[in-house]
Amino acid sequence: YLGGRARYLMALKTCVMTLMGFTAEKVKLCLDLKTNLKHMGFWGSISLRSECAKLQFGKSKFSFHDLYMNQHTEVVGGHKKLLFSESRDMHHLAEWMESTKRTPGLVSYSLLSLHTLLNKTDPRRNFLKQAIVSYIKQKALRRNCPQSCPQNFNSLVRKCTCMCKPNDVINDKCCGIE
């Protein structure tokens, strides 16, 4: 598909978040609210607004900017300078969206295996598919975990990720609670 997309990536410091009493989900929600609604002159529900204000302006020894290490903005299509103007006017967002029609970017695509070009009844189709699978398996990068986790500390969700058993001192991400 052709068009435009803007994506903002931020690497968060999860242990600092824990010490501030926030989760990655809550920080994401606050950042989404700030990004999506700042142009409209309001900031969502009162309870969420106060949580986000506490996060951003802080009532702790950490500032909001202590939460993240790196940030990266990726813009595909359109005139990128329109998105990064000093004014927070919705007009600039609308202008950028309109510019994606004149200078679109590749937003998404799909790939089909080479064997699908052959008719389903063609006997070469299955042989080609097997050859492609074999080639991919030979050339694929293997994911080797550099270290093993202590017994029963492997993450069930993410391979090569160790988890901690939460207690009074640490949470499941091995971050200190205080």
N, C-alpha and C. Protein backbone atom coordinates (compact mmCIF):
# COMPACT_ATOMS: atom_id res chain seq x y z
N TYR A 1 0.83 -1.18 0.00
CA TYR A 1 0.00 0.00 0.00
C TYR A 1 0.87 1.24 0.00
N LEU A 2 0.43 2.26 -0.66
CA LEU A 2 1.13 3.53 -0.68
C LEU A 2 0.37 4.52 0.18
N GLY A 3 1.07 5.46 0.78
CA GLY A 3 0.42 6.47 1.62
C GLY A 3 1.44 7.07 2.56
N GLY A 4 1.07 7.22 3.82
CA GLY A 4 1.96 7.81 4.80
C GLY A 4 1.77 7.18 6.16
N ARG A 5 2.85 7.21 6.95
CA ARG A 5 2.79 6.69 8.31
C ARG A 5 3.84 7.42 9.13
N ALA A 6 3.49 7.77 10.35
CA ALA A 6 4.44 8.35 11.29
C ALA A 6 4.47 7.45 12.52
N ARG A 7 5.66 7.08 12.93
CA ARG A 7 5.81 6.19 14.08
C ARG A 7 6.90 6.76 14.99
N TYR A 8 6.61 6.76 16.28
CA TYR A 8 7.53 7.28 17.28
C TYR A 8 7.93 6.14 18.19
N LEU A 9 9.21 5.80 18.21
CA LEU A 9 9.70 4.69 19.03
C LEU A 9 10.52 5.24 20.20
N MET A 10 10.29 4.68 21.37
CA MET A 10 10.99 5.14 22.56
C MET A 10 11.43 3.94 23.39
N ALA A 11 12.70 3.90 23.77
CA ALA A 11 13.21 2.85 24.65
C ALA A 11 13.06 3.32 26.09
N LEU A 12 12.22 2.62 26.85
CA LEU A 12 11.93 3.03 28.23
C LEU A 12 12.83 2.31 29.23
N LYS A 13 13.13 2.98 30.31
CA LYS A 13 13.89 2.39 31.42
C LYS A 13 12.87 1.80 32.38
N THR A 14 12.68 0.50 32.30
CA THR A 14 11.60 -0.12 33.06
C THR A 14 11.82 -0.06 34.57
N CYS A 15 13.04 -0.12 35.03
CA CYS A 15 13.26 -0.07 36.48
C CYS A 15 12.97 1.32 37.03
N VAL A 16 13.32 2.37 36.30
CA VAL A 16 12.98 3.73 36.74
C VAL A 16 11.47 3.90 36.78
N MET A 17 10.78 3.34 35.77
CA MET A 17 9.31 3.40 35.76
C MET A 17 8.74 2.73 36.99
N THR A 18 9.28 1.58 37.33
CA THR A 18 8.80 0.84 38.50
C THR A 18 8.97 1.68 39.76
N LEU A 19 10.13 2.30 39.90
CA LEU A 19 10.38 3.14 41.07
C LEU A 19 9.43 4.33 41.13
N MET A 20 8.99 4.81 39.97
CA MET A 20 8.04 5.92 39.92
C MET A 20 6.60 5.43 40.09
N GLY A 21 6.42 4.11 40.06
CA GLY A 21 5.08 3.56 40.24
C GLY A 21 4.28 3.46 38.95
N PHE A 22 4.94 3.41 37.81
CA PHE A 22 4.25 3.33 36.53
C PHE A 22 4.60 2.05 35.80
N THR A 23 3.75 1.69 34.86
CA THR A 23 3.99 0.54 33.99
C THR A 23 4.22 1.05 32.58
N ALA A 24 4.80 0.21 31.73
CA ALA A 24 5.02 0.59 30.34
C ALA A 24 3.69 0.91 29.66
N GLU A 25 2.64 0.17 30.01
CA GLU A 25 1.33 0.39 29.40
C GLU A 25 0.79 1.77 29.75
N LYS A 26 0.97 2.18 31.02
CA LYS A 26 0.46 3.49 31.43
C LYS A 26 1.25 4.62 30.77
N VAL A 27 2.57 4.45 30.66
CA VAL A 27 3.39 5.46 29.99
C VAL A 27 2.98 5.57 28.53
N LYS A 28 2.75 4.43 27.88
CA LYS A 28 2.32 4.44 26.48
C LYS A 28 0.99 5.15 26.33
N LEU A 29 0.07 4.86 27.23
CA LEU A 29 -1.24 5.50 27.17
C LEU A 29 -1.11 7.02 27.32
N CYS A 30 -0.29 7.46 28.24
CA CYS A 30 -0.08 8.90 28.44
C CYS A 30 0.57 9.53 27.21
N LEU A 31 1.56 8.87 26.64
CA LEU A 31 2.21 9.40 25.44
C LEU A 31 1.24 9.43 24.26
N ASP A 32 0.41 8.39 24.13
CA ASP A 32 -0.60 8.37 23.07
C ASP A 32 -1.58 9.51 23.23
N LEU A 33 -2.04 9.72 24.47
CA LEU A 33 -2.98 10.82 24.72
C LEU A 33 -2.35 12.15 24.38
N LYS A 34 -1.13 12.32 24.82
CA LYS A 34 -0.43 13.59 24.56
C LYS A 34 -0.28 13.82 23.06
N THR A 35 0.12 12.78 22.34
CA THR A 35 0.34 12.91 20.91
C THR A 35 -0.96 13.12 20.14
N ASN A 36 -1.98 12.33 20.46
CA ASN A 36 -3.22 12.37 19.69
C ASN A 36 -4.13 13.54 20.03
N LEU A 37 -4.10 14.00 21.28
CA LEU A 37 -5.09 14.98 21.70
C LEU A 37 -4.54 16.37 21.94
N LYS A 38 -3.24 16.55 21.91
CA LYS A 38 -2.69 17.86 22.25
C LYS A 38 -3.15 18.94 21.27
N HIS A 39 -3.42 18.56 20.04
CA HIS A 39 -3.85 19.53 19.04
C HIS A 39 -5.31 19.93 19.25
N MET A 40 -6.06 19.13 19.98
CA MET A 40 -7.49 19.38 20.12
C MET A 40 -7.84 20.20 21.36
N GLY A 41 -6.84 20.51 22.18
CA GLY A 41 -7.10 21.37 23.33
C GLY A 41 -7.61 20.65 24.56
N PHE A 42 -7.64 19.33 24.59
CA PHE A 42 -8.02 18.62 25.81
C PHE A 42 -7.17 17.38 25.95
N TRP A 43 -7.21 16.79 27.15
CA TRP A 43 -6.30 15.70 27.46
C TRP A 43 -6.99 14.48 28.02
N GLY A 44 -8.10 14.07 27.53
CA GLY A 44 -8.75 12.83 27.97
C GLY A 44 -9.43 12.95 29.32
N SER A 45 -9.67 11.81 29.97
CA SER A 45 -10.40 11.77 31.23
C SER A 45 -9.62 12.45 32.35
N ILE A 46 -10.34 12.94 33.35
CA ILE A 46 -9.71 13.65 34.46
C ILE A 46 -8.76 12.75 35.23
N SER A 47 -9.17 11.50 35.51
CA SER A 47 -8.30 10.61 36.29
C SER A 47 -7.03 10.27 35.52
N LEU A 48 -7.17 9.99 34.22
CA LEU A 48 -6.00 9.68 33.42
C LEU A 48 -5.13 10.92 33.25
N ARG A 49 -5.78 12.07 33.09
CA ARG A 49 -5.04 13.32 32.94
C ARG A 49 -4.17 13.59 34.17
N SER A 50 -4.72 13.34 35.37
CA SER A 50 -3.93 13.58 36.58
C SER A 50 -2.79 12.57 36.70
N GLU A 51 -3.04 11.31 36.31
CA GLU A 51 -1.97 10.30 36.32
C GLU A 51 -0.85 10.71 35.36
N CYS A 52 -1.23 11.17 34.17
CA CYS A 52 -0.23 11.56 33.18
C CYS A 52 0.52 12.81 33.64
N ALA A 53 -0.18 13.74 34.26
CA ALA A 53 0.47 14.95 34.77
C ALA A 53 1.47 14.58 35.86
N LYS A 54 1.10 13.64 36.72
CA LYS A 54 2.01 13.19 37.77
C LYS A 54 3.26 12.56 37.13
N LEU A 55 3.05 11.81 36.05
CA LEU A 55 4.16 11.18 35.35
C LEU A 55 5.03 12.23 34.68
N GLN A 56 4.40 13.19 34.01
CA GLN A 56 5.18 14.15 33.24
C GLN A 56 5.85 15.20 34.11
N PHE A 57 5.15 15.70 35.10
CA PHE A 57 5.70 16.80 35.88
C PHE A 57 6.26 16.33 37.21
N GLY A 58 5.97 15.08 37.54
CA GLY A 58 6.63 14.39 38.63
C GLY A 58 6.43 14.91 40.03
N LYS A 59 6.22 13.99 40.90
CA LYS A 59 6.21 14.25 42.33
C LYS A 59 7.27 13.35 42.96
N SER A 60 8.29 13.01 42.17
CA SER A 60 9.35 12.13 42.67
C SER A 60 10.70 12.71 42.29
N LYS A 61 11.75 11.99 42.66
CA LYS A 61 13.10 12.48 42.37
C LYS A 61 13.47 12.32 40.90
N PHE A 62 12.65 11.60 40.13
CA PHE A 62 12.92 11.39 38.71
C PHE A 62 12.05 12.32 37.88
N SER A 63 12.57 12.74 36.73
CA SER A 63 11.75 13.51 35.81
C SER A 63 11.22 12.58 34.72
N PHE A 64 10.25 13.05 33.98
CA PHE A 64 9.67 12.26 32.89
C PHE A 64 10.75 11.81 31.92
N HIS A 65 11.72 12.68 31.67
CA HIS A 65 12.76 12.37 30.68
C HIS A 65 13.76 11.34 31.19
N ASP A 66 13.74 11.04 32.49
CA ASP A 66 14.58 9.96 33.02
C ASP A 66 14.04 8.60 32.62
N LEU A 67 12.80 8.55 32.13
CA LEU A 67 12.17 7.28 31.78
C LEU A 67 12.69 6.66 30.50
N TYR A 68 13.21 7.47 29.61
CA TYR A 68 13.60 6.88 28.34
C TYR A 68 15.07 7.12 28.03
N MET A 69 15.61 6.18 27.26
CA MET A 69 17.02 6.24 26.89
C MET A 69 17.16 6.81 25.48
N ASN A 70 16.46 6.21 24.54
CA ASN A 70 16.57 6.60 23.14
C ASN A 70 15.18 6.82 22.57
N GLN A 71 15.11 7.69 21.60
CA GLN A 71 13.86 7.86 20.88
C GLN A 71 14.16 8.01 19.40
N HIS A 72 13.23 7.56 18.60
CA HIS A 72 13.42 7.56 17.15
C HIS A 72 12.07 7.83 16.50
N THR A 73 12.06 8.74 15.55
CA THR A 73 10.83 9.03 14.80
C THR A 73 11.03 8.57 13.37
N GLU A 74 10.06 7.81 12.89
CA GLU A 74 10.11 7.29 11.52
C GLU A 74 8.89 7.83 10.78
N VAL A 75 9.14 8.52 9.67
CA VAL A 75 8.05 9.05 8.86
C VAL A 75 8.20 8.50 7.45
N VAL A 76 7.14 7.93 6.93
CA VAL A 76 7.13 7.38 5.58
C VAL A 76 6.11 8.15 4.78
N GLY A 77 6.52 8.71 3.65
CA GLY A 77 5.61 9.42 2.77
C GLY A 77 5.37 10.85 3.21
N GLY A 78 4.94 11.65 2.25
CA GLY A 78 4.61 13.05 2.54
C GLY A 78 5.83 13.90 2.80
N HIS A 79 5.58 15.18 3.07
CA HIS A 79 6.65 16.12 3.39
C HIS A 79 6.86 16.11 4.89
N LYS A 80 7.94 15.50 5.31
CA LYS A 80 8.21 15.26 6.74
C LYS A 80 8.29 16.54 7.57
N LYS A 81 8.79 17.62 7.00
CA LYS A 81 8.96 18.87 7.75
C LYS A 81 7.63 19.40 8.27
N LEU A 82 6.55 19.06 7.60
CA LEU A 82 5.24 19.54 8.04
C LEU A 82 4.85 18.96 9.39
N LEU A 83 5.33 17.75 9.70
CA LEU A 83 4.98 17.12 10.98
C LEU A 83 5.74 17.71 12.16
N PHE A 84 6.88 18.32 11.91
CA PHE A 84 7.74 18.77 13.00
C PHE A 84 7.78 20.29 13.11
N SER A 85 6.66 20.92 12.86
CA SER A 85 6.59 22.38 12.98
C SER A 85 6.51 22.77 14.45
N GLU A 86 6.85 24.00 14.75
CA GLU A 86 6.82 24.49 16.13
C GLU A 86 5.39 24.61 16.65
N SER A 87 4.48 25.03 15.80
CA SER A 87 3.09 25.18 16.28
C SER A 87 2.44 23.81 16.38
N ARG A 88 1.52 23.69 17.28
CA ARG A 88 0.84 22.41 17.49
C ARG A 88 -0.54 22.45 16.84
N ASP A 89 -0.57 23.00 15.67
CA ASP A 89 -1.83 23.20 14.97
C ASP A 89 -2.19 21.95 14.17
N MET A 90 -3.46 21.55 14.24
CA MET A 90 -3.93 20.39 13.47
C MET A 90 -3.78 20.64 11.97
N HIS A 91 -3.68 21.89 11.59
CA HIS A 91 -3.52 22.25 10.18
C HIS A 91 -2.27 21.59 9.59
N HIS A 92 -1.18 21.52 10.38
CA HIS A 92 0.06 20.92 9.88
C HIS A 92 -0.09 19.41 9.68
N LEU A 93 -0.80 18.76 10.58
CA LEU A 93 -1.05 17.32 10.43
C LEU A 93 -1.89 17.08 9.18
N ALA A 94 -2.93 17.90 8.98
CA ALA A 94 -3.78 17.76 7.80
C ALA A 94 -2.98 18.02 6.52
N GLU A 95 -2.08 19.00 6.58
CA GLU A 95 -1.23 19.30 5.42
C GLU A 95 -0.33 18.12 5.09
N TRP A 96 0.26 17.51 6.13
CA TRP A 96 1.12 16.35 5.91
C TRP A 96 0.31 15.21 5.31
N MET A 97 -0.87 14.96 5.86
CA MET A 97 -1.72 13.88 5.33
C MET A 97 -2.05 14.14 3.87
N GLU A 98 -2.33 15.37 3.52
CA GLU A 98 -2.63 15.71 2.12
C GLU A 98 -1.38 15.52 1.25
N SER A 99 -0.19 15.82 1.80
CA SER A 99 1.05 15.69 1.02
C SER A 99 1.38 14.24 0.72
N THR A 100 0.84 13.30 1.50
CA THR A 100 1.11 11.88 1.22
C THR A 100 0.46 11.44 -0.08
N LYS A 101 -0.55 12.18 -0.53
CA LYS A 101 -1.18 11.85 -1.82
C LYS A 101 -0.26 12.22 -2.97
N ARG A 102 0.50 13.31 -2.80
CA ARG A 102 1.41 13.76 -3.86
C ARG A 102 2.74 13.02 -3.83
N THR A 103 3.23 12.72 -2.63
CA THR A 103 4.51 12.02 -2.49
C THR A 103 4.33 10.86 -1.51
N PRO A 104 3.66 9.80 -1.96
CA PRO A 104 3.40 8.68 -1.05
C PRO A 104 4.66 7.87 -0.78
N GLY A 105 4.61 7.16 0.32
CA GLY A 105 5.68 6.22 0.66
C GLY A 105 5.10 4.82 0.68
N LEU A 106 5.97 3.83 0.69
CA LEU A 106 5.53 2.44 0.76
C LEU A 106 5.22 2.12 2.22
N VAL A 107 3.95 1.96 2.54
CA VAL A 107 3.50 1.76 3.91
C VAL A 107 3.50 0.29 4.29
N SER A 108 3.01 -0.55 3.41
CA SER A 108 3.02 -1.99 3.69
C SER A 108 3.02 -2.75 2.37
N TYR A 109 3.43 -3.99 2.47
CA TYR A 109 3.47 -4.85 1.30
C TYR A 109 3.38 -6.29 1.77
N SER A 110 3.11 -7.18 0.86
CA SER A 110 3.10 -8.59 1.22
C SER A 110 3.93 -9.35 0.20
N LEU A 111 4.55 -10.40 0.66
CA LEU A 111 5.38 -11.24 -0.19
C LEU A 111 4.75 -12.60 -0.34
N LEU A 112 4.85 -13.14 -1.52
CA LEU A 112 4.41 -14.51 -1.76
C LEU A 112 5.62 -15.33 -2.16
N SER A 113 5.63 -16.56 -1.75
CA SER A 113 6.72 -17.44 -2.10
C SER A 113 6.75 -17.66 -3.61
N LEU A 114 7.93 -17.84 -4.12
CA LEU A 114 8.14 -18.01 -5.56
C LEU A 114 7.33 -19.18 -6.13
N HIS A 115 7.15 -20.23 -5.34
CA HIS A 115 6.44 -21.41 -5.85
C HIS A 115 4.98 -21.11 -6.19
N THR A 116 4.41 -20.04 -5.63
CA THR A 116 3.00 -19.72 -5.90
C THR A 116 2.79 -19.19 -7.32
N LEU A 117 3.88 -18.88 -8.01
CA LEU A 117 3.76 -18.44 -9.40
C LEU A 117 3.39 -19.61 -10.32
N LEU A 118 3.70 -20.81 -9.88
CA LEU A 118 3.37 -21.99 -10.68
C LEU A 118 1.94 -22.43 -10.37
N ASN A 119 1.29 -22.96 -11.36
CA ASN A 119 -0.07 -23.46 -11.21
C ASN A 119 -0.10 -24.58 -10.16
N LYS A 120 -1.18 -24.67 -9.41
CA LYS A 120 -1.29 -25.68 -8.34
C LYS A 120 -1.18 -27.11 -8.88
N THR A 121 -1.51 -27.31 -10.13
CA THR A 121 -1.44 -28.65 -10.71
C THR A 121 -0.06 -28.96 -11.29
N ASP A 122 0.81 -27.97 -11.38
CA ASP A 122 2.15 -28.17 -11.93
C ASP A 122 2.98 -28.99 -10.94
N PRO A 123 3.55 -30.13 -11.37
CA PRO A 123 4.32 -30.98 -10.45
C PRO A 123 5.58 -30.30 -9.91
N ARG A 124 6.09 -29.29 -10.60
CA ARG A 124 7.30 -28.59 -10.14
C ARG A 124 7.02 -27.69 -8.93
N ARG A 125 5.76 -27.34 -8.72
CA ARG A 125 5.39 -26.41 -7.64
C ARG A 125 5.84 -26.93 -6.28
N ASN A 126 5.52 -28.18 -5.95
CA ASN A 126 5.87 -28.74 -4.65
C ASN A 126 7.38 -28.88 -4.49
N PHE A 127 8.08 -29.27 -5.57
CA PHE A 127 9.54 -29.38 -5.50
C PHE A 127 10.18 -28.02 -5.25
N LEU A 128 9.66 -27.00 -5.92
CA LEU A 128 10.18 -25.64 -5.73
C LEU A 128 9.93 -25.17 -4.30
N LYS A 129 8.76 -25.47 -3.77
CA LYS A 129 8.43 -25.08 -2.39
C LYS A 129 9.41 -25.75 -1.42
N GLN A 130 9.65 -27.04 -1.60
CA GLN A 130 10.57 -27.77 -0.71
C GLN A 130 11.99 -27.20 -0.81
N ALA A 131 12.40 -26.85 -2.02
CA ALA A 131 13.74 -26.29 -2.22
C ALA A 131 13.86 -24.93 -1.52
N ILE A 132 12.83 -24.13 -1.59
CA ILE A 132 12.84 -22.81 -0.93
C ILE A 132 12.90 -22.97 0.59
N VAL A 133 12.09 -23.86 1.13
CA VAL A 133 12.09 -24.12 2.58
C VAL A 133 13.47 -24.59 3.03
N SER A 134 14.06 -25.50 2.28
CA SER A 134 15.39 -26.01 2.60
C SER A 134 16.43 -24.89 2.58
N TYR A 135 16.36 -24.05 1.57
CA TYR A 135 17.30 -22.93 1.43
C TYR A 135 17.17 -21.97 2.62
N ILE A 136 15.94 -21.64 2.99
CA ILE A 136 15.72 -20.72 4.11
C ILE A 136 16.25 -21.32 5.41
N LYS A 137 16.01 -22.61 5.62
CA LYS A 137 16.50 -23.26 6.85
C LYS A 137 18.03 -23.24 6.91
N GLN A 138 18.68 -23.42 5.76
CA GLN A 138 20.15 -23.42 5.72
C GLN A 138 20.71 -22.03 5.98
N LYS A 139 20.06 -21.01 5.46
CA LYS A 139 20.59 -19.64 5.54
C LYS A 139 20.08 -18.85 6.74
N ALA A 140 19.11 -19.39 7.43
CA ALA A 140 18.48 -18.65 8.54
C ALA A 140 19.47 -18.41 9.67
N LEU A 141 19.32 -17.28 10.33
CA LEU A 141 20.12 -16.99 11.51
C LEU A 141 19.51 -17.71 12.69
N ARG A 142 20.33 -18.37 13.45
CA ARG A 142 19.86 -19.07 14.64
C ARG A 142 19.90 -18.12 15.82
N ARG A 143 18.93 -18.22 16.67
CA ARG A 143 18.90 -17.38 17.87
C ARG A 143 19.43 -18.20 19.03
N ASN A 144 20.64 -17.92 19.41
CA ASN A 144 21.26 -18.62 20.53
C ASN A 144 21.26 -17.69 21.74
N CYS A 145 20.71 -18.16 22.82
CA CYS A 145 20.70 -17.37 24.04
C CYS A 145 22.12 -17.34 24.60
N PRO A 146 22.66 -16.15 24.89
CA PRO A 146 24.04 -16.07 25.36
C PRO A 146 24.24 -16.68 26.75
N GLN A 147 23.20 -16.74 27.53
CA GLN A 147 23.32 -17.32 28.87
C GLN A 147 22.01 -18.02 29.19
N SER A 148 22.08 -18.94 30.09
CA SER A 148 20.84 -19.61 30.48
C SER A 148 20.31 -18.94 31.74
N CYS A 149 19.01 -19.02 31.89
CA CYS A 149 18.36 -18.44 33.06
C CYS A 149 18.42 -19.44 34.21
N PRO A 150 18.39 -18.94 35.45
CA PRO A 150 18.28 -19.87 36.57
C PRO A 150 17.03 -20.73 36.42
N GLN A 151 17.02 -21.87 37.05
CA GLN A 151 15.91 -22.81 36.92
C GLN A 151 14.57 -22.13 37.23
N ASN A 152 13.59 -22.38 36.36
CA ASN A 152 12.22 -21.84 36.48
C ASN A 152 12.15 -20.32 36.33
N PHE A 153 13.15 -19.71 35.72
CA PHE A 153 13.13 -18.27 35.54
C PHE A 153 12.99 -17.86 34.08
N ASN A 154 12.78 -18.84 33.17
CA ASN A 154 12.60 -18.52 31.75
C ASN A 154 11.25 -17.89 31.53
N SER A 155 11.21 -16.92 30.62
CA SER A 155 9.94 -16.31 30.25
C SER A 155 9.18 -17.26 29.35
N LEU A 156 7.90 -17.40 29.60
CA LEU A 156 7.07 -18.24 28.74
C LEU A 156 6.70 -17.51 27.45
N VAL A 157 6.80 -16.19 27.46
CA VAL A 157 6.37 -15.38 26.33
C VAL A 157 7.51 -15.10 25.36
N ARG A 158 8.68 -14.71 25.88
CA ARG A 158 9.79 -14.30 25.02
C ARG A 158 11.00 -15.20 25.24
N LYS A 159 11.46 -15.80 24.15
CA LYS A 159 12.64 -16.66 24.21
C LYS A 159 13.86 -15.81 24.58
N CYS A 160 14.78 -16.40 25.30
CA CYS A 160 16.03 -15.75 25.72
C CYS A 160 15.80 -14.61 26.71
N THR A 161 14.70 -14.61 27.41
CA THR A 161 14.41 -13.58 28.40
C THR A 161 14.23 -14.24 29.75
N CYS A 162 14.98 -13.78 30.71
CA CYS A 162 14.85 -14.31 32.07
C CYS A 162 13.86 -13.43 32.85
N MET A 163 13.14 -14.05 33.72
CA MET A 163 12.20 -13.33 34.59
C MET A 163 12.62 -13.59 36.03
N CYS A 164 12.23 -12.70 36.90
CA CYS A 164 12.49 -12.88 38.33
C CYS A 164 11.19 -13.26 39.03
N LYS A 165 11.33 -13.95 40.12
CA LYS A 165 10.15 -14.22 40.95
C LYS A 165 9.95 -13.00 41.83
N PRO A 166 8.81 -12.30 41.67
CA PRO A 166 8.61 -11.08 42.45
C PRO A 166 8.53 -11.38 43.95
N ASN A 167 9.04 -10.44 44.73
CA ASN A 167 8.95 -10.55 46.19
C ASN A 167 8.87 -9.14 46.77
N ASP A 168 9.18 -8.97 48.02
CA ASP A 168 9.08 -7.65 48.66
C ASP A 168 10.13 -6.66 48.17
N VAL A 169 11.18 -7.16 47.52
CA VAL A 169 12.29 -6.31 47.12
C VAL A 169 12.31 -6.03 45.62
N ILE A 170 11.96 -7.04 44.78
CA ILE A 170 12.03 -6.88 43.32
C ILE A 170 10.71 -7.30 42.67
N ASN A 171 10.50 -6.81 41.43
CA ASN A 171 9.33 -7.23 40.65
C ASN A 171 9.73 -8.32 39.67
N ASP A 172 8.81 -8.72 38.77
CA ASP A 172 9.10 -9.82 37.85
C ASP A 172 10.12 -9.47 36.78
N LYS A 173 10.47 -8.19 36.64
CA LYS A 173 11.50 -7.77 35.68
C LYS A 173 12.84 -7.52 36.38
N CYS A 174 12.94 -7.98 37.62
CA CYS A 174 14.16 -7.89 38.42
C CYS A 174 14.51 -6.45 38.81
N CYS A 175 13.53 -5.56 38.79
CA CYS A 175 13.75 -4.17 39.19
C CYS A 175 13.42 -4.01 40.66
N GLY A 176 14.23 -3.20 41.35
CA GLY A 176 13.96 -2.92 42.75
C GLY A 176 12.65 -2.16 42.91
N ILE A 177 11.90 -2.50 43.93
CA ILE A 177 10.61 -1.84 44.16
C ILE A 177 10.82 -0.48 44.83
N GLU A 178 11.85 -0.37 45.64
CA GLU A 178 12.12 0.91 46.32
C GLU A 178 13.50 1.40 45.99
